[in-house]
Amino acid sequence: TDFTSHYNDPDGDTVAFVMFSGDTSTIKYNGVPYIADTQVALADVIKFEFIAPIETTQVITTLTYKVKDNKGNIIA
């Protein structure tokens, strides 16, 4: 719901995909490094994992994201 609750598509289409950009060096998707702006099905968002470079250090990572509807249109 983090991705779907903030968006309304004028045509009523559902959110289907998400793409992250920014510093994705600490993000893994399905166990492998995530490549920025790679489209991922919304249902697979649970496969993302944040990997801290140094486990005992506070890390701040800035990511932005876009979502697409089920017709492939970017809605955010």
Protein backbone atom coordinates (compact mmCIF):
# COMPACT_ATOMS: atom_id res chain seq x y z
CA THR A 1 0.00 0.00 0.00
CA ASP A 2 3.02 2.36 0.29
CA PHE A 3 3.02 2.56 -3.49
CA THR A 4 -0.66 2.31 -4.26
CA SER A 5 -2.39 4.38 -1.59
CA HIS A 6 -0.97 7.71 -2.81
CA TYR A 7 -1.91 7.44 -6.48
CA ASN A 8 -5.09 7.84 -8.42
CA ASP A 9 -5.17 7.10 -12.10
CA PRO A 10 -7.68 9.29 -13.97
CA ASP A 11 -8.76 6.26 -16.02
CA GLY A 12 -9.05 3.99 -12.99
CA ASP A 13 -6.13 1.78 -14.04
CA THR A 14 -4.28 -0.05 -11.27
CA VAL A 15 -0.65 0.38 -10.24
CA ALA A 16 1.29 -2.54 -11.70
CA PHE A 17 5.00 -1.66 -11.76
CA VAL A 18 7.58 0.29 -9.75
CA MET A 19 11.05 1.59 -10.70
CA PHE A 20 13.64 2.96 -8.25
CA SER A 21 16.38 5.45 -9.09
CA GLY A 22 19.10 7.22 -7.15
CA ASP A 23 21.78 5.42 -5.16
CA THR A 24 20.67 1.82 -5.61
CA SER A 25 24.06 0.40 -4.62
CA THR A 26 22.65 -0.84 -1.31
CA ILE A 27 19.54 -2.45 -2.80
CA LYS A 28 19.18 -6.06 -3.83
CA TYR A 29 16.24 -7.46 -5.74
CA ASN A 30 15.64 -11.17 -5.46
CA GLY A 31 19.17 -11.62 -4.10
CA VAL A 32 21.07 -9.72 -6.81
CA PRO A 33 22.08 -6.04 -7.07
CA TYR A 34 19.20 -3.92 -8.34
CA ILE A 35 19.91 -1.84 -11.46
CA ALA A 36 18.40 1.64 -11.24
CA ASP A 37 15.20 2.22 -13.21
CA THR A 38 14.58 -1.50 -13.77
CA GLN A 39 10.84 -2.08 -13.92
CA VAL A 40 9.57 -4.53 -11.28
CA ALA A 41 6.05 -5.86 -10.88
CA LEU A 42 4.34 -4.32 -7.87
CA ALA A 43 3.64 -7.79 -6.49
CA ASP A 44 7.41 -8.41 -6.35
CA VAL A 45 8.28 -5.36 -4.22
CA ILE A 46 8.59 -7.71 -1.24
CA LYS A 47 11.69 -9.17 -2.93
CA PHE A 48 13.70 -5.97 -2.31
CA GLU A 49 16.32 -5.94 0.43
CA PHE A 50 18.43 -3.11 1.81
CA ILE A 51 22.04 -4.16 2.44
CA ALA A 52 23.97 -1.85 4.77
CA PRO A 53 27.58 -1.42 3.57
CA ILE A 54 28.83 -1.49 7.17
CA GLU A 55 26.44 -3.12 9.60
CA THR A 56 27.56 -1.08 12.62
CA THR A 57 27.28 2.30 10.91
CA GLN A 58 24.23 4.46 10.28
CA VAL A 59 23.58 4.69 6.54
CA ILE A 60 21.37 7.17 4.74
CA THR A 61 20.29 6.27 1.23
CA THR A 62 18.11 8.45 -0.96
CA LEU A 63 15.89 6.71 -3.48
CA THR A 64 13.16 8.02 -5.70
CA TYR A 65 10.60 5.93 -7.49
CA LYS A 66 8.06 5.98 -10.29
CA VAL A 67 5.04 3.77 -10.71
CA LYS A 68 3.32 2.58 -13.87
CA ASP A 69 -0.24 1.51 -14.36
CA ASN A 70 -1.31 -1.78 -15.88
CA LYS A 71 -1.27 -0.17 -19.35
CA GLY A 72 2.38 0.90 -19.01
CA ASN A 73 1.73 4.59 -18.38
CA ILE A 74 3.85 6.34 -15.75
CA ILE A 75 1.48 7.76 -13.15
CA ALA A 76 4.00 9.07 -10.63
